[in-house]
C-alpha atoms as a PDB file:
ATOM      1  CA  MET A   1      52.979-174.174  28.239  1.00  0.00           C
ATOM      2  CA  LYS A   2      54.042-177.116  30.392  1.00  0.00           C
ATOM      3  CA  ALA A   3      56.522-179.529  28.789  1.00  0.00           C
ATOM      4  CA  GLN A   4      55.379-183.112  28.386  1.00  0.00           C
ATOM      5  CA  ALA A   5      57.105-185.570  30.711  1.00  0.00           C
ATOM      6  CA  ARG A   6      56.655-188.524  28.370  1.00  0.00           C
ATOM      7  CA  ARG A   7      58.959-190.916  26.568  1.00  0.00           C
ATOM      8  CA  HIS A   8      57.358-190.012  23.214  1.00  0.00           C
ATOM      9  CA  PRO A   9      55.699-186.660  22.460  1.00  0.00           C
ATOM     10  CA  ARG A  10      51.965-186.627  21.722  1.00  0.00           C
ATOM     11  CA  HIS A  11      50.497-185.351  18.475  1.00  0.00           C
ATOM     12  CA  ASP A  12      46.900-184.209  18.027  1.00  0.00           C
ATOM     13  CA  VAL A  13      45.122-186.278  15.390  1.00  0.00           C
ATOM     14  CA  HIS A  14      41.565-187.127  14.372  1.00  0.00           C
ATOM     15  CA  ILE A  15      41.516-190.684  13.024  1.00  0.00           C
ATOM     16  CA  ASP A  16      38.393-192.827  12.845  1.00  0.00           C
ATOM     17  CA  ALA A  17      38.899-196.241  14.415  1.00  0.00           C
ATOM     18  CA  GLU A  18      37.222-199.234  16.019  1.00  0.00           C
ATOM     19  CA  ILE A  19      38.200-201.075  19.186  1.00  0.00           C
ATOM     20  CA  LEU A  20      38.022-204.841  19.471  1.00  0.00           C
ATOM     21  CA  PHE A  21      38.795-206.525  22.789  1.00  0.00           C
ATOM     22  CA  ASP A  22      40.664-209.811  22.871  1.00  0.00           C
ATOM     23  CA  GLY A  23      38.138-212.663  23.000  1.00  0.00           C
ATOM     24  CA  ASP A  24      35.163-210.386  22.241  1.00  0.00           C
ATOM     25  CA  THR A  25      33.248-209.979  18.984  1.00  0.00           C
ATOM     26  CA  ARG A  26      31.853-206.486  19.683  1.00  0.00           C
ATOM     27  CA  ARG A  27      33.455-203.586  17.850  1.00  0.00           C
ATOM     28  CA  ILE A  28      33.191-200.173  19.439  1.00  0.00           C
ATOM     29  CA  GLY A  29      33.512-197.050  17.303  1.00  0.00           C
ATOM     30  CA  ALA A  30      36.183-194.597  18.425  1.00  0.00           C
ATOM     31  CA  THR A  31      38.338-191.678  17.358  1.00  0.00           C
ATOM     32  CA  ILE A  32      42.080-191.541  17.951  1.00  0.00           C
ATOM     33  CA  ARG A  33      42.545-188.072  19.514  1.00  0.00           C
ATOM     34  CA  ASP A  34      46.271-188.047  20.166  1.00  0.00           C
ATOM     35  CA  LEU A  35      49.054-190.339  19.119  1.00  0.00           C
ATOM     36  CA  SER A  36      52.669-191.028  19.994  1.00  0.00           C
ATOM     37  CA  GLU A  37      55.056-193.796  19.050  1.00  0.00           C
ATOM     38  CA  GLY A  38      54.283-195.495  22.355  1.00  0.00           C
ATOM     39  CA  GLY A  39      50.527-195.069  22.710  1.00  0.00           C
ATOM     40  CA  ALA A  40      47.335-193.178  22.007  1.00  0.00           C
ATOM     41  CA  ARG A  41      44.294-191.562  23.575  1.00  0.00           C
ATOM     42  CA  LEU A  42      40.986-192.668  22.104  1.00  0.00           C
ATOM     43  CA  GLU A  43      37.498-191.268  22.519  1.00  0.00           C
ATOM     44  CA  LEU A  44      34.695-193.807  22.267  1.00  0.00           C
ATOM     45  CA  ASP A  45      31.685-193.071  20.060  1.00  0.00           C
ATOM     46  CA  ALA A  46      29.391-194.974  22.450  1.00  0.00           C
ATOM     47  CA  ASP A  47      28.824-194.813  26.182  1.00  0.00           C
ATOM     48  CA  CYS A  48      31.355-196.769  28.242  1.00  0.00           C
ATOM     49  CA  ALA A  49      28.442-198.446  30.014  1.00  0.00           C
ATOM     50  CA  LEU A  50      28.817-201.201  27.395  1.00  0.00           C
ATOM     51  CA  TRP A  51      31.685-202.633  29.457  1.00  0.00           C
ATOM     52  CA  THR A  52      33.935-201.823  32.332  1.00  0.00           C
ATOM     53  CA  ARG A  53      37.558-202.583  32.984  1.00  0.00           C
ATOM     54  CA  ALA A  54      36.510-204.946  35.766  1.00  0.00           C
ATOM     55  CA  GLU A  55      34.688-207.087  33.174  1.00  0.00           C
ATOM     56  CA  ARG A  56      37.888-207.651  31.213  1.00  0.00           C
ATOM     57  CA  ALA A  57      39.949-210.771  31.883  1.00  0.00           C
ATOM     58  CA  ASP A  58      42.977-208.888  30.574  1.00  0.00           C
ATOM     59  CA  ASN A  59      43.772-205.480  29.171  1.00  0.00           C
ATOM     60  CA  ARG A  60      44.628-206.550  25.607  1.00  0.00           C
ATOM     61  CA  LEU A  61      42.711-204.810  22.844  1.00  0.00           C
ATOM     62  CA  TYR A  62      43.056-204.020  19.159  1.00  0.00           C
ATOM     63  CA  VAL A  63      42.599-200.618  17.580  1.00  0.00           C
ATOM     64  CA  ILE A  64      41.556-200.856  13.938  1.00  0.00           C
ATOM     65  CA  GLU A  65      42.280-197.810  11.770  1.00  0.00           C
ATOM     66  CA  ALA A  66      38.999-197.396   9.882  1.00  0.00           C
ATOM     67  CA  ARG A  67      40.225-196.122   6.515  1.00  0.00           C
ATOM     68  CA  CYS A  68      42.927-198.666   5.779  1.00  0.00           C
ATOM     69  CA  GLY A  69      42.137-201.510   8.199  1.00  0.00           C
ATOM     70  CA  ILE A  70      45.535-201.577   9.909  1.00  0.00           C
ATOM     71  CA  VAL A  71      45.259-203.286  13.299  1.00  0.00           C
ATOM     72  CA  TYR A  72      47.300-202.052  16.273  1.00  0.00           C
ATOM     73  CA  GLU A  73      47.762-204.438  19.202  1.00  0.00           C
ATOM     74  CA  CYS A  74      47.514-202.504  22.480  1.00  0.00           C
ATOM     75  CA  ASP A  75      47.251-202.744  26.237  1.00  0.00           C
ATOM     76  CA  LEU A  76      44.632-200.667  28.026  1.00  0.00           C
ATOM     77  CA  ARG A  77      46.357-198.291  30.471  1.00  0.00           C
ATOM     78  CA  TRP A  78      43.482-196.152  31.756  1.00  0.00           C
ATOM     79  CA  MET A  79      39.789-195.361  31.232  1.00  0.00           C
ATOM     80  CA  ARG A  80      37.792-192.229  32.045  1.00  0.00           C
ATOM     81  CA  TYR A  81      34.179-192.144  30.859  1.00  0.00           C
ATOM     82  CA  ARG A  82      34.557-192.223  27.053  1.00  0.00           C
ATOM     83  CA  ASP A  83      38.345-191.767  26.937  1.00  0.00           C
ATOM     84  CA  LEU A  84      40.898-194.586  26.875  1.00  0.00           C
ATOM     85  CA  GLY A  85      44.659-194.549  27.100  1.00  0.00           C
ATOM     86  CA  VAL A  86      46.487-197.384  25.365  1.00  0.00           C
ATOM     87  CA  SER A  87      50.095-198.408  24.894  1.00  0.00           C
ATOM     88  CA  PHE A  88      51.165-200.150  21.703  1.00  0.00           C
ATOM     89  CA  THR A  89      52.574-203.647  22.157  1.00  0.00           C
ATOM     90  CA  ASP A  90      53.384-204.527  18.544  1.00  0.00           C
ATOM     91  CA  PHE A  91      56.478-203.383  16.692  1.00  0.00           C
ATOM     92  CA  ALA A  92      55.165-204.305  13.228  1.00  0.00           C
ATOM     93  CA  THR A  93      52.983-201.187  12.997  1.00  0.00           C
ATOM     94  CA  ARG A  94      55.623-198.747  14.283  1.00  0.00           C
ATOM     95  CA  PRO A  95      56.371-197.413  10.739  1.00  0.00           C
ATOM     96  CA  ARG A  96      52.659-196.684  10.211  1.00  0.00           C
ATOM     97  CA  ARG A  97      52.419-194.869  13.565  1.00  0.00           C
ATOM     98  CA  ARG A  98      55.434-192.755  12.591  1.00  0.00           C
ATOM     99  CA  GLU A  99      53.766-191.948   9.258  1.00  0.00           C
ATOM    100  CA  LEU A 100      50.584-190.784  11.030  1.00  0.00           C
ATOM    101  CA  ILE A 101      52.615-188.654  13.452  1.00  0.00           C
ATOM    102  CA  SER A 102      54.489-187.098  10.542  1.00  0.00           C
ATOM    103  CA  LEU A 103      51.179-186.309   8.843  1.00  0.00           C
ATOM    104  CA  ALA A 104      49.861-184.602  11.954  1.00  0.00           C
ATOM    105  CA  SER A 105      52.989-182.508  12.431  1.00  0.00           C
ATOM    106  CA  ARG A 106      53.030-181.356   8.771  1.00  0.00           C
ATOM    107  CA  GLY A 107      49.333-180.483   8.744  1.00  0.00           C
ATOM    108  CA  LEU A 108      48.450-183.253   6.308  1.00  0.00           C
ATOM    109  CA  LYS A 109      45.579-185.696   6.422  1.00  0.00           C
ATOM    110  CA  GLN A 110      44.830-189.038   4.858  1.00  0.00           C
ATOM    111  CA  ASN A 111      42.078-188.995   2.255  1.00  0.00           C
ATOM    112  CA  PRO A 112      39.526-191.842   1.934  1.00  0.00           C
ATOM    113  CA  ALA A 113      41.639-193.554  -0.724  1.00  0.00           C
ATOM    114  CA  GLY A 114      44.538-193.784   1.734  1.00  0.00           C
ATOM    115  CA  SER A 115      46.898-191.288   0.056  1.00  0.00           C
ATOM    116  CA  LEU A 116      48.191-188.138   1.721  1.00  0.00           C
ATOM    117  CA  THR A 117      46.803-184.660   0.988  1.00  0.00           C
ATOM    118  CA  ASP A 118      47.082-181.142   2.390  1.00  0.00           C
ATOM    119  CA  LYS A 119      44.384-180.238   4.918  1.00  0.00           C
ATOM    120  CA  VAL A 120      41.543-178.373   3.298  1.00  0.00           C
END
């Protein structure tokens, strides 16, 4: 297996989320597919035809973790069909990102109430 040439290693996750672009009221459903301390890959629930990168005045967006409502401020790095790559720009949510990464590496998941449980 090829080693990752990244600042922060990626961790496979499956976290329901929504994306909200700066200055836009539309929320787009998404799933966080992999996560690192520095960024994430998201898969959109809807077709990317709703918007294109060229339509954006800037690349700032917010990823909202569906279960607990935590908002991550991000910059859009790349787009391919329904996949997005983002880098995190806020330091306030770094402890929460580390918690999610720890959950993924230990095989735990977050239940609907927000507490941690073993995967079933």
